[in-house]
């Protein structure tokens, strides 16, 4: 598969009354055509900021965002507009992302350009509703008249309306119950197989990412600390932070038939306005070494397509 999206050294910052906060710091990754790339991490680590920068809802401070070889980070206004249709987004809460005043037909049909033929546009909207598993009769309903799962399907249909090559899914199932989560994840997978869509799938849930992603990255305080295939990340996690995330997932204790207690990672996420020097995870890491507080670890390949940013894998590990 060829690379559809190439992100290199991307930085995203916010200006506040107290100064600048860097939400994304020198992040690089690629997504192949028809691939799902998962992005996982705690709340506040910069996942959503990264996704919004890729779709250019946020302007990056520096770095490149190449889609089919064209650097979107260098474009604006009319020069960017032709590429808007190629990248779409599905947000976490469909009730917030869908205008409550507009019926479903308008919400899905608004991005569609079928000249002045409104009947042709309405037919396309009905087709999209069927594609995402909804009845065409819902075209005249308002968002509040639909269930949470139906609203998220509408949001997906709206994203598909312009035939994108990449869809950014920002926590698209976290507001749904488990049965609806499975339905939406299976729908995304079916659409990918049928239309060769690539996904940047953002989630705090490693289990969901393992289920849907071909490859995944773990993000901590604005940086990628590990990148691997979904199963490799789950079964052979190398970075202490990834290991802590996996250990925090509750599991059934076979001896007493109850959900065992979670292993809670010590400490809190550091202030992004004043990130720790060296490795940003060293203030919470159980394997911290003297060099961790002064030397920044770079992503390096420890196995085929498995990259880790940790001094445990760079040699000279003496305590």
C-alpha atoms as a PDB file:
ATOM      1  CA  UNK A   1       0.000   0.000   0.000  1.00  0.00           C
ATOM      2  CA  UNK A   2       1.170   3.516  -0.794  1.00  0.00           C
ATOM      3  CA  UNK A   3       1.253   6.341   1.721  1.00  0.00           C
ATOM      4  CA  UNK A   4      -1.835   8.520   1.523  1.00  0.00           C
ATOM      5  CA  UNK A   5      -0.905  10.837   4.412  1.00  0.00           C
ATOM      6  CA  UNK A   6       2.595  11.759   5.597  1.00  0.00           C
ATOM      7  CA  UNK A   7       2.945  13.924   8.708  1.00  0.00           C
ATOM      8  CA  UNK A   8       6.442  15.115   9.597  1.00  0.00           C
ATOM      9  CA  UNK A   9       7.664  17.075  12.618  1.00  0.00           C
ATOM     10  CA  UNK A  10       4.224  18.552  13.242  1.00  0.00           C
ATOM     11  CA  UNK A  11       3.858  21.114  16.014  1.00  0.00           C
ATOM     12  CA  UNK A  12       0.604  22.631  17.251  1.00  0.00           C
ATOM     13  CA  UNK A  13       0.509  25.332  19.924  1.00  0.00           C
ATOM     14  CA  UNK A  14      -2.172  27.311  21.722  1.00  0.00           C
ATOM     15  CA  UNK A  15      -1.703  30.828  23.003  1.00  0.00           C
ATOM     16  CA  UNK A  16      -3.169  31.498  26.443  1.00  0.00           C
ATOM     17  CA  UNK A  17      -3.046  34.346  28.929  1.00  0.00           C
ATOM     18  CA  UNK A  18      -0.181  32.492  30.620  1.00  0.00           C
ATOM     19  CA  UNK A  19       1.837  31.944  27.467  1.00  0.00           C
ATOM     20  CA  UNK A  20       2.078  29.279  24.771  1.00  0.00           C
ATOM     21  CA  UNK A  21       1.096  25.628  25.265  1.00  0.00           C
ATOM     22  CA  UNK A  22       2.485  23.119  22.803  1.00  0.00           C
ATOM     23  CA  UNK A  23      -0.184  20.454  22.328  1.00  0.00           C
ATOM     24  CA  UNK A  24       1.674  18.522  19.608  1.00  0.00           C
ATOM     25  CA  UNK A  25       5.470  18.352  19.584  1.00  0.00           C
ATOM     26  CA  UNK A  26       7.439  17.130  16.536  1.00  0.00           C
ATOM     27  CA  UNK A  27       5.052  14.303  15.653  1.00  0.00           C
ATOM     28  CA  UNK A  28       5.730  12.205  12.553  1.00  0.00           C
ATOM     29  CA  UNK A  29       3.727   9.279  11.141  1.00  0.00           C
ATOM     30  CA  UNK A  30       2.181   8.028   7.914  1.00  0.00           C
ATOM     31  CA  UNK A  31      -1.106   6.412   6.916  1.00  0.00           C
ATOM     32  CA  UNK A  32      -1.396   4.148   3.904  1.00  0.00           C
ATOM     33  CA  UNK A  33      -4.337   4.155   1.520  1.00  0.00           C
ATOM     34  CA  UNK A  34      -7.146   1.983   2.906  1.00  0.00           C
ATOM     35  CA  UNK A  35      -5.461   1.632   6.311  1.00  0.00           C
ATOM     36  CA  UNK A  36      -6.718   2.390   9.825  1.00  0.00           C
ATOM     37  CA  UNK A  37      -4.108   4.130  11.971  1.00  0.00           C
ATOM     38  CA  UNK A  38      -5.060   4.277  15.647  1.00  0.00           C
ATOM     39  CA  UNK A  39      -3.978   7.050  18.007  1.00  0.00           C
ATOM     40  CA  UNK A  40      -4.365   6.375  21.724  1.00  0.00           C
ATOM     41  CA  UNK A  41      -3.509   8.192  24.941  1.00  0.00           C
ATOM     42  CA  UNK A  42      -4.897   9.888  28.031  1.00  0.00           C
ATOM     43  CA  UNK A  43      -7.181  12.910  27.879  1.00  0.00           C
ATOM     44  CA  UNK A  44      -5.125  16.045  27.364  1.00  0.00           C
ATOM     45  CA  UNK A  45      -2.234  14.329  25.563  1.00  0.00           C
ATOM     46  CA  UNK A  46      -2.861  16.154  22.256  1.00  0.00           C
ATOM     47  CA  UNK A  47      -4.723  13.487  20.238  1.00  0.00           C
ATOM     48  CA  UNK A  48      -7.627  15.682  19.168  1.00  0.00           C
ATOM     49  CA  UNK A  49      -5.334  18.636  18.457  1.00  0.00           C
ATOM     50  CA  UNK A  50      -3.322  16.416  16.123  1.00  0.00           C
ATOM     51  CA  UNK A  51      -6.461  15.254  14.311  1.00  0.00           C
ATOM     52  CA  UNK A  52      -7.778  18.807  13.950  1.00  0.00           C
ATOM     53  CA  UNK A  53      -4.430  19.961  12.582  1.00  0.00           C
ATOM     54  CA  UNK A  54      -4.425  17.192   9.957  1.00  0.00           C
ATOM     55  CA  UNK A  55      -7.836  18.330   8.713  1.00  0.00           C
ATOM     56  CA  UNK A  56      -6.702  21.970   9.063  1.00  0.00           C
ATOM     57  CA  UNK A  57      -9.290  22.985  11.646  1.00  0.00           C
ATOM     58  CA  UNK A  58      -6.164  24.125  13.494  1.00  0.00           C
ATOM     59  CA  UNK A  59      -3.184  25.803  11.874  1.00  0.00           C
ATOM     60  CA  UNK A  60       0.069  23.987  12.643  1.00  0.00           C
ATOM     61  CA  UNK A  61       2.963  25.965  14.068  1.00  0.00           C
ATOM     62  CA  UNK A  62       5.433  24.048  11.916  1.00  0.00           C
ATOM     63  CA  UNK A  63       5.873  20.737  10.124  1.00  0.00           C
ATOM     64  CA  UNK A  64       4.258  19.226   7.043  1.00  0.00           C
ATOM     65  CA  UNK A  65       0.982  17.404   6.341  1.00  0.00           C
ATOM     66  CA  UNK A  66       1.287  15.815   2.913  1.00  0.00           C
ATOM     67  CA  UNK A  67      -1.821  14.288   1.360  1.00  0.00           C
ATOM     68  CA  UNK A  68      -1.014  12.480  -1.881  1.00  0.00           C
ATOM     69  CA  UNK A  69       2.245  14.430  -1.880  1.00  0.00           C
ATOM     70  CA  UNK A  70       0.665  17.885  -1.443  1.00  0.00           C
ATOM     71  CA  UNK A  71       1.586  19.737   1.759  1.00  0.00           C
ATOM     72  CA  UNK A  72      -1.714  20.903   3.240  1.00  0.00           C
ATOM     73  CA  UNK A  73       0.130  22.785   5.980  1.00  0.00           C
ATOM     74  CA  UNK A  74       1.416  25.242   3.389  1.00  0.00           C
ATOM     75  CA  UNK A  75      -2.030  25.920   1.867  1.00  0.00           C
ATOM     76  CA  UNK A  76      -4.805  28.279   2.919  1.00  0.00           C
ATOM     77  CA  UNK A  77      -7.977  29.826   1.556  1.00  0.00           C
ATOM     78  CA  UNK A  78      -8.779  28.963  -2.063  1.00  0.00           C
ATOM     79  CA  UNK A  79      -5.651  26.841  -2.465  1.00  0.00           C
ATOM     80  CA  UNK A  80      -6.764  24.573   0.397  1.00  0.00           C
ATOM     81  CA  UNK A  81     -10.425  24.296  -0.611  1.00  0.00           C
ATOM     82  CA  UNK A  82     -10.009  21.580  -3.305  1.00  0.00           C
ATOM     83  CA  UNK A  83      -8.464  19.263  -0.700  1.00  0.00           C
ATOM     84  CA  UNK A  84     -11.200  19.769   1.915  1.00  0.00           C
ATOM     85  CA  UNK A  85     -13.332  17.055   0.352  1.00  0.00           C
ATOM     86  CA  UNK A  86     -10.511  14.512   0.537  1.00  0.00           C
ATOM     87  CA  UNK A  87     -10.302  14.637   4.344  1.00  0.00           C
ATOM     88  CA  UNK A  88     -13.417  14.540   6.529  1.00  0.00           C
ATOM     89  CA  UNK A  89     -14.026  14.172  10.271  1.00  0.00           C
ATOM     90  CA  UNK A  90     -16.422  12.290  12.545  1.00  0.00           C
ATOM     91  CA  UNK A  91     -16.598  13.847  16.000  1.00  0.00           C
ATOM     92  CA  UNK A  92     -17.127  12.251  19.397  1.00  0.00           C
ATOM     93  CA  UNK A  93     -20.594  13.601  20.165  1.00  0.00           C
ATOM     94  CA  UNK A  94     -22.928  13.527  17.150  1.00  0.00           C
ATOM     95  CA  UNK A  95     -25.577  15.508  19.020  1.00  0.00           C
ATOM     96  CA  UNK A  96     -23.153  18.417  19.320  1.00  0.00           C
ATOM     97  CA  UNK A  97     -21.741  18.117  15.799  1.00  0.00           C
ATOM     98  CA  UNK A  98     -25.175  17.982  14.094  1.00  0.00           C
ATOM     99  CA  UNK A  99     -27.136  21.240  13.921  1.00  0.00           C
ATOM    100  CA  UNK A 100     -30.363  20.521  15.893  1.00  0.00           C
ATOM    101  CA  UNK A 101     -32.354  22.945  13.713  1.00  0.00           C
ATOM    102  CA  UNK A 102     -31.773  21.088  10.437  1.00  0.00           C
ATOM    103  CA  UNK A 103     -33.323  17.834   9.290  1.00  0.00           C
ATOM    104  CA  UNK A 104     -31.153  14.868   8.352  1.00  0.00           C
ATOM    105  CA  UNK A 105     -31.533  15.456   4.622  1.00  0.00           C
ATOM    106  CA  UNK A 106     -30.013  18.910   4.865  1.00  0.00           C
ATOM    107  CA  UNK A 107     -27.247  17.847   7.273  1.00  0.00           C
ATOM    108  CA  UNK A 108     -26.029  15.116   4.927  1.00  0.00           C
ATOM    109  CA  UNK A 109     -26.858  16.910   1.668  1.00  0.00           C
ATOM    110  CA  UNK A 110     -25.243  20.259   2.422  1.00  0.00           C
ATOM    111  CA  UNK A 111     -21.723  19.234   1.287  1.00  0.00           C
ATOM    112  CA  UNK A 112     -23.042  17.492  -1.835  1.00  0.00           C
ATOM    113  CA  UNK A 113     -22.755  19.341  -5.121  1.00  0.00           C
ATOM    114  CA  UNK A 114     -25.235  18.030  -7.696  1.00  0.00           C
ATOM    115  CA  UNK A 115     -25.696  21.277  -9.594  1.00  0.00           C
ATOM    116  CA  UNK A 116     -29.183  22.665  -9.093  1.00  0.00           C
ATOM    117  CA  UNK A 117     -30.891  19.284  -9.208  1.00  0.00           C
ATOM    118  CA  UNK A 118     -32.341  19.011  -5.715  1.00  0.00           C
ATOM    119  CA  UNK A 119     -34.014  15.709  -6.570  1.00  0.00           C
ATOM    120  CA  UNK A 120     -30.614  14.281  -7.441  1.00  0.00           C
ATOM    121  CA  UNK A 121     -29.202  15.511  -4.138  1.00  0.00           C
ATOM    122  CA  UNK A 122     -32.101  13.994  -2.181  1.00  0.00           C
ATOM    123  CA  UNK A 123     -31.549  10.671  -3.942  1.00  0.00           C
ATOM    124  CA  UNK A 124     -27.858  10.753  -3.013  1.00  0.00           C
ATOM    125  CA  UNK A 125     -28.769  11.445   0.635  1.00  0.00           C
ATOM    126  CA  UNK A 126     -31.133   8.457   0.685  1.00  0.00           C
ATOM    127  CA  UNK A 127     -28.383   6.318  -0.837  1.00  0.00           C
ATOM    128  CA  UNK A 128     -25.958   7.410   1.897  1.00  0.00           C
ATOM    129  CA  UNK A 129     -28.522   6.627   4.602  1.00  0.00           C
ATOM    130  CA  UNK A 130     -28.847   3.088   3.257  1.00  0.00           C
ATOM    131  CA  UNK A 131     -25.046   2.736   3.036  1.00  0.00           C
ATOM    132  CA  UNK A 132     -24.696   3.506   6.781  1.00  0.00           C
ATOM    133  CA  UNK A 133     -27.590   1.194   7.698  1.00  0.00           C
ATOM    134  CA  UNK A 134     -30.406   3.727   8.189  1.00  0.00           C
ATOM    135  CA  UNK A 135     -33.885   3.862   6.655  1.00  0.00           C
ATOM    136  CA  UNK A 136     -34.299   6.440   3.860  1.00  0.00           C
ATOM    137  CA  UNK A 137     -37.471   7.699   5.572  1.00  0.00           C
ATOM    138  CA  UNK A 138     -35.297   9.302   8.250  1.00  0.00           C
ATOM    139  CA  UNK A 139     -34.363  12.026   5.778  1.00  0.00           C
ATOM    140  CA  UNK A 140     -37.002  14.360   7.258  1.00  0.00           C
ATOM    141  CA  UNK A 141     -36.177  13.720  10.911  1.00  0.00           C
ATOM    142  CA  UNK A 142     -34.340  16.106  13.238  1.00  0.00           C
ATOM    143  CA  UNK A 143     -31.267  14.924  15.203  1.00  0.00           C
ATOM    144  CA  UNK A 144     -33.115  14.833  18.558  1.00  0.00           C
ATOM    145  CA  UNK A 145     -35.580  12.340  17.065  1.00  0.00           C
ATOM    146  CA  UNK A 146     -32.815   9.785  16.521  1.00  0.00           C
ATOM    147  CA  UNK A 147     -30.929   7.520  18.934  1.00  0.00           C
ATOM    148  CA  UNK A 148     -27.245   8.069  19.712  1.00  0.00           C
ATOM    149  CA  UNK A 149     -26.216   5.279  17.358  1.00  0.00           C
ATOM    150  CA  UNK A 150     -28.412   6.634  14.562  1.00  0.00           C
ATOM    151  CA  UNK A 151     -26.974  10.124  14.994  1.00  0.00           C
ATOM    152  CA  UNK A 152     -23.432   8.784  14.710  1.00  0.00           C
ATOM    153  CA  UNK A 153     -24.406   6.944  11.524  1.00  0.00           C
ATOM    154  CA  UNK A 154     -25.737  10.245  10.170  1.00  0.00           C
ATOM    155  CA  UNK A 155     -22.400  11.873  11.040  1.00  0.00           C
ATOM    156  CA  UNK A 156     -20.596   9.109   9.142  1.00  0.00           C
ATOM    157  CA  UNK A 157     -22.938   9.511   6.162  1.00  0.00           C
ATOM    158  CA  UNK A 158     -22.219  13.249   6.134  1.00  0.00           C
ATOM    159  CA  UNK A 159     -18.467  12.541   6.130  1.00  0.00           C
ATOM    160  CA  UNK A 160     -18.908  10.120   3.203  1.00  0.00           C
ATOM    161  CA  UNK A 161     -21.016  12.555   1.179  1.00  0.00           C
ATOM    162  CA  UNK A 162     -17.991  14.043  -0.599  1.00  0.00           C
ATOM    163  CA  UNK A 163     -16.201  10.694  -1.165  1.00  0.00           C
ATOM    164  CA  UNK A 164     -13.157  11.345   1.062  1.00  0.00           C
ATOM    165  CA  UNK A 165      -9.946   9.359   0.942  1.00  0.00           C
ATOM    166  CA  UNK A 166      -9.223   9.888   4.655  1.00  0.00           C
ATOM    167  CA  UNK A 167     -11.675  10.165   7.554  1.00  0.00           C
ATOM    168  CA  UNK A 168     -10.513  11.336  10.971  1.00  0.00           C
ATOM    169  CA  UNK A 169     -12.567   9.632  13.684  1.00  0.00           C
ATOM    170  CA  UNK A 170     -12.202  11.498  16.988  1.00  0.00           C
ATOM    171  CA  UNK A 171     -13.500   9.214  19.759  1.00  0.00           C
ATOM    172  CA  UNK A 172     -16.452   8.213  17.511  1.00  0.00           C
ATOM    173  CA  UNK A 173     -17.806   5.489  19.814  1.00  0.00           C
ATOM    174  CA  UNK A 174     -16.896   6.678  23.321  1.00  0.00           C
ATOM    175  CA  UNK A 175     -20.346   8.247  23.878  1.00  0.00           C
ATOM    176  CA  UNK A 176     -22.144   5.012  22.913  1.00  0.00           C
ATOM    177  CA  UNK A 177     -22.893   1.861  24.884  1.00  0.00           C
ATOM    178  CA  UNK A 178     -20.929  -1.309  24.143  1.00  0.00           C
ATOM    179  CA  UNK A 179     -23.421  -2.883  21.710  1.00  0.00           C
ATOM    180  CA  UNK A 180     -23.658   0.320  19.664  1.00  0.00           C
ATOM    181  CA  UNK A 181     -19.868   0.669  19.733  1.00  0.00           C
ATOM    182  CA  UNK A 182     -19.515  -2.712  18.028  1.00  0.00           C
ATOM    183  CA  UNK A 183     -22.088  -1.754  15.381  1.00  0.00           C
ATOM    184  CA  UNK A 184     -20.320   1.510  14.508  1.00  0.00           C
ATOM    185  CA  UNK A 185     -16.871  -0.119  14.459  1.00  0.00           C
ATOM    186  CA  UNK A 186     -18.125  -2.867  12.160  1.00  0.00           C
ATOM    187  CA  UNK A 187     -19.781  -0.261   9.943  1.00  0.00           C
ATOM    188  CA  UNK A 188     -16.499   1.659   9.626  1.00  0.00           C
ATOM    189  CA  UNK A 189     -14.660  -1.552   8.763  1.00  0.00           C
ATOM    190  CA  UNK A 190     -17.282  -2.496   6.123  1.00  0.00           C
ATOM    191  CA  UNK A 191     -17.110   0.969   4.544  1.00  0.00           C
ATOM    192  CA  UNK A 192     -13.321   0.760   4.454  1.00  0.00           C
ATOM    193  CA  UNK A 193     -13.408  -2.544   2.598  1.00  0.00           C
ATOM    194  CA  UNK A 194     -16.021  -1.261   0.140  1.00  0.00           C
ATOM    195  CA  UNK A 195     -14.500   2.175  -0.556  1.00  0.00           C
ATOM    196  CA  UNK A 196     -10.810   1.828   0.402  1.00  0.00           C
ATOM    197  CA  UNK A 197     -11.109   4.694   2.921  1.00  0.00           C
ATOM    198  CA  UNK A 198      -8.229   5.361   5.297  1.00  0.00           C
ATOM    199  CA  UNK A 199      -8.958   6.260   8.930  1.00  0.00           C
ATOM    200  CA  UNK A 200      -7.074   8.169  11.575  1.00  0.00           C
ATOM    201  CA  UNK A 201      -8.893   6.645  14.542  1.00  0.00           C
ATOM    202  CA  UNK A 202      -8.443   8.595  17.790  1.00  0.00           C
ATOM    203  CA  UNK A 203      -9.403   6.934  21.072  1.00  0.00           C
ATOM    204  CA  UNK A 204      -8.457   6.623  24.736  1.00  0.00           C
ATOM    205  CA  UNK A 205      -9.517   2.940  24.610  1.00  0.00           C
ATOM    206  CA  UNK A 206      -6.697   0.556  23.653  1.00  0.00           C
ATOM    207  CA  UNK A 207      -9.164  -2.317  23.267  1.00  0.00           C
ATOM    208  CA  UNK A 208     -11.159  -0.428  20.636  1.00  0.00           C
ATOM    209  CA  UNK A 209      -7.975   0.563  18.812  1.00  0.00           C
ATOM    210  CA  UNK A 210      -6.734  -3.027  18.817  1.00  0.00           C
ATOM    211  CA  UNK A 211     -10.050  -4.153  17.324  1.00  0.00           C
ATOM    212  CA  UNK A 212     -10.127  -1.729  14.412  1.00  0.00           C
ATOM    213  CA  UNK A 213      -6.590  -0.463  13.722  1.00  0.00           C
ATOM    214  CA  UNK A 214      -4.004  -2.024  11.418  1.00  0.00           C
ATOM    215  CA  UNK A 215      -1.292   0.062  13.088  1.00  0.00           C
ATOM    216  CA  UNK A 216      -1.437   2.266  16.165  1.00  0.00           C
ATOM    217  CA  UNK A 217       0.541   4.945  17.975  1.00  0.00           C
ATOM    218  CA  UNK A 218       0.572   5.832  21.660  1.00  0.00           C
ATOM    219  CA  UNK A 219       0.740   9.528  22.496  1.00  0.00           C
ATOM    220  CA  UNK A 220       1.963  11.067  25.733  1.00  0.00           C
ATOM    221  CA  UNK A 221       2.051  14.804  26.434  1.00  0.00           C
ATOM    222  CA  UNK A 222       2.141  15.785  22.769  1.00  0.00           C
ATOM    223  CA  UNK A 223       4.650  13.159  21.587  1.00  0.00           C
ATOM    224  CA  UNK A 224       4.444   9.668  20.077  1.00  0.00           C
ATOM    225  CA  UNK A 225       6.153   7.170  22.368  1.00  0.00           C
ATOM    226  CA  UNK A 226       5.360   3.916  20.551  1.00  0.00           C
ATOM    227  CA  UNK A 227       4.124   2.853  17.095  1.00  0.00           C
ATOM    228  CA  UNK A 228       3.334  -0.733  16.085  1.00  0.00           C
ATOM    229  CA  UNK A 229       0.668  -2.953  14.561  1.00  0.00           C
ATOM    230  CA  UNK A 230      -2.476  -3.260  16.671  1.00  0.00           C
ATOM    231  CA  UNK A 231      -1.746  -6.772  17.962  1.00  0.00           C
ATOM    232  CA  UNK A 232       1.981  -6.109  18.411  1.00  0.00           C
ATOM    233  CA  UNK A 233       1.184  -3.053  20.514  1.00  0.00           C
ATOM    234  CA  UNK A 234      -1.184  -5.049  22.705  1.00  0.00           C
ATOM    235  CA  UNK A 235       0.835  -8.248  23.045  1.00  0.00           C
ATOM    236  CA  UNK A 236       4.407  -6.889  22.996  1.00  0.00           C
ATOM    237  CA  UNK A 237       4.147  -3.353  24.353  1.00  0.00           C
ATOM    238  CA  UNK A 238       7.654  -1.989  24.908  1.00  0.00           C
ATOM    239  CA  UNK A 239       7.247   1.519  26.286  1.00  0.00           C
ATOM    240  CA  UNK A 240       6.494   1.725  30.042  1.00  0.00           C
ATOM    241  CA  UNK A 241       3.590   4.081  29.350  1.00  0.00           C
ATOM    242  CA  UNK A 242       1.980   1.685  26.846  1.00  0.00           C
ATOM    243  CA  UNK A 243       2.459  -1.142  29.339  1.00  0.00           C
ATOM    244  CA  UNK A 244       0.763   0.958  32.034  1.00  0.00           C
ATOM    245  CA  UNK A 245      -2.201   1.688  29.752  1.00  0.00           C
ATOM    246  CA  UNK A 246      -2.663  -2.019  29.046  1.00  0.00           C
ATOM    247  CA  UNK A 247      -2.370  -2.929  32.724  1.00  0.00           C
ATOM    248  CA  UNK A 248      -5.060  -0.345  33.507  1.00  0.00           C
ATOM    249  CA  UNK A 249      -7.599  -2.219  31.371  1.00  0.00           C
ATOM    250  CA  UNK A 250      -9.906  -4.186  33.738  1.00  0.00           C
ATOM    251  CA  UNK A 251      -9.997  -7.933  33.199  1.00  0.00           C
ATOM    252  CA  UNK A 252     -11.975 -10.831  34.626  1.00  0.00           C
ATOM    253  CA  UNK A 253     -10.285 -12.652  37.516  1.00  0.00           C
ATOM    254  CA  UNK A 254     -10.861 -16.398  36.828  1.00  0.00           C
ATOM    255  CA  UNK A 255     -10.438 -17.294  40.518  1.00  0.00           C
ATOM    256  CA  UNK A 256     -13.256 -15.216  41.951  1.00  0.00           C
ATOM    257  CA  UNK A 257     -15.278 -14.418  38.777  1.00  0.00           C
ATOM    258  CA  UNK A 258     -15.150 -10.664  39.184  1.00  0.00           C
ATOM    259  CA  UNK A 259     -13.492  -7.776  37.447  1.00  0.00           C
ATOM    260  CA  UNK A 260     -10.053  -7.355  38.973  1.00  0.00           C
ATOM    261  CA  UNK A 261      -8.831  -3.996  40.255  1.00  0.00           C
ATOM    262  CA  UNK A 262      -7.092  -1.734  37.759  1.00  0.00           C
ATOM    263  CA  UNK A 263      -3.421  -0.944  38.023  1.00  0.00           C
ATOM    264  CA  UNK A 264      -3.374   2.817  38.309  1.00  0.00           C
ATOM    265  CA  UNK A 265      -0.445   4.717  36.847  1.00  0.00           C
ATOM    266  CA  UNK A 266       1.232   6.818  39.524  1.00  0.00           C
ATOM    267  CA  UNK A 267       1.203  10.595  39.285  1.00  0.00           C
ATOM    268  CA  UNK A 268      -0.720  12.939  37.025  1.00  0.00           C
ATOM    269  CA  UNK A 269      -0.159  14.098  33.480  1.00  0.00           C
ATOM    270  CA  UNK A 270       2.376  16.930  33.643  1.00  0.00           C
ATOM    271  CA  UNK A 271       1.427  20.490  32.829  1.00  0.00           C
ATOM    272  CA  UNK A 272       1.725  20.811  29.000  1.00  0.00           C
ATOM    273  CA  UNK A 273       2.733  24.452  29.448  1.00  0.00           C
ATOM    274  CA  UNK A 274       5.808  23.275  31.384  1.00  0.00           C
ATOM    275  CA  UNK A 275       6.601  19.737  30.186  1.00  0.00           C
ATOM    276  CA  UNK A 276       9.384  17.805  31.944  1.00  0.00           C
ATOM    277  CA  UNK A 277      12.844  17.932  30.411  1.00  0.00           C
ATOM    278  CA  UNK A 278      14.305  14.864  28.741  1.00  0.00           C
ATOM    279  CA  UNK A 279      11.729  12.094  28.452  1.00  0.00           C
ATOM    280  CA  UNK A 280       8.337  13.615  29.199  1.00  0.00           C
ATOM    281  CA  UNK A 281       7.221  10.402  30.913  1.00  0.00           C
ATOM    282  CA  UNK A 282      10.145  10.181  33.334  1.00  0.00           C
ATOM    283  CA  UNK A 283       8.208  11.780  36.227  1.00  0.00           C
ATOM    284  CA  UNK A 284       5.821   8.782  36.238  1.00  0.00           C
ATOM    285  CA  UNK A 285       8.004   5.991  34.858  1.00  0.00           C
ATOM    286  CA  UNK A 286       8.765   2.937  37.068  1.00  0.00           C
ATOM    287  CA  UNK A 287      12.032   2.377  35.129  1.00  0.00           C
ATOM    288  CA  UNK A 288      13.378   5.937  35.266  1.00  0.00           C
ATOM    289  CA  UNK A 289      17.164   6.379  34.930  1.00  0.00           C
ATOM    290  CA  UNK A 290      19.357   9.475  35.437  1.00  0.00           C
ATOM    291  CA  UNK A 291      19.621  10.119  31.692  1.00  0.00           C
ATOM    292  CA  UNK A 292      15.808  10.182  31.345  1.00  0.00           C
ATOM    293  CA  UNK A 293      15.495  13.608  32.926  1.00  0.00           C
ATOM    294  CA  UNK A 294      18.061  15.250  30.631  1.00  0.00           C
ATOM    295  CA  UNK A 295      18.132  13.344  27.338  1.00  0.00           C
ATOM    296  CA  UNK A 296      15.136  13.225  25.017  1.00  0.00           C
ATOM    297  CA  UNK A 297      14.586   9.722  23.530  1.00  0.00           C
ATOM    298  CA  UNK A 298      13.865   9.445  19.801  1.00  0.00           C
ATOM    299  CA  UNK A 299      11.616   6.863  18.163  1.00  0.00           C
ATOM    300  CA  UNK A 300      13.738   3.927  17.027  1.00  0.00           C
ATOM    301  CA  UNK A 301      12.791   0.598  15.438  1.00  0.00           C
ATOM    302  CA  UNK A 302      13.082  -2.298  17.921  1.00  0.00           C
ATOM    303  CA  UNK A 303      11.308  -4.837  15.682  1.00  0.00           C
ATOM    304  CA  UNK A 304       9.893  -4.714  12.147  1.00  0.00           C
ATOM    305  CA  UNK A 305       7.423  -1.777  12.063  1.00  0.00           C
ATOM    306  CA  UNK A 306       7.653  -1.433  15.860  1.00  0.00           C
ATOM    307  CA  UNK A 307       9.073   1.893  17.042  1.00  0.00           C
ATOM    308  CA  UNK A 308       9.693   2.998  20.639  1.00  0.00           C
ATOM    309  CA  UNK A 309      10.968   6.241  22.190  1.00  0.00           C
ATOM    310  CA  UNK A 310      12.579   5.013  25.389  1.00  0.00           C
ATOM    311  CA  UNK A 311      16.135   4.921  26.771  1.00  0.00           C
ATOM    312  CA  UNK A 312      15.599   1.270  27.774  1.00  0.00           C
ATOM    313  CA  UNK A 313      16.131   0.465  24.082  1.00  0.00           C
ATOM    314  CA  UNK A 314      18.894   2.914  23.163  1.00  0.00           C
ATOM    315  CA  UNK A 315      21.835   1.291  24.958  1.00  0.00           C
ATOM    316  CA  UNK A 316      23.790   2.575  27.948  1.00  0.00           C
ATOM    317  CA  UNK A 317      20.974   1.751  30.338  1.00  0.00           C
ATOM    318  CA  UNK A 318      22.971   1.614  33.548  1.00  0.00           C
ATOM    319  CA  UNK A 319      21.185   3.016  36.573  1.00  0.00           C
END
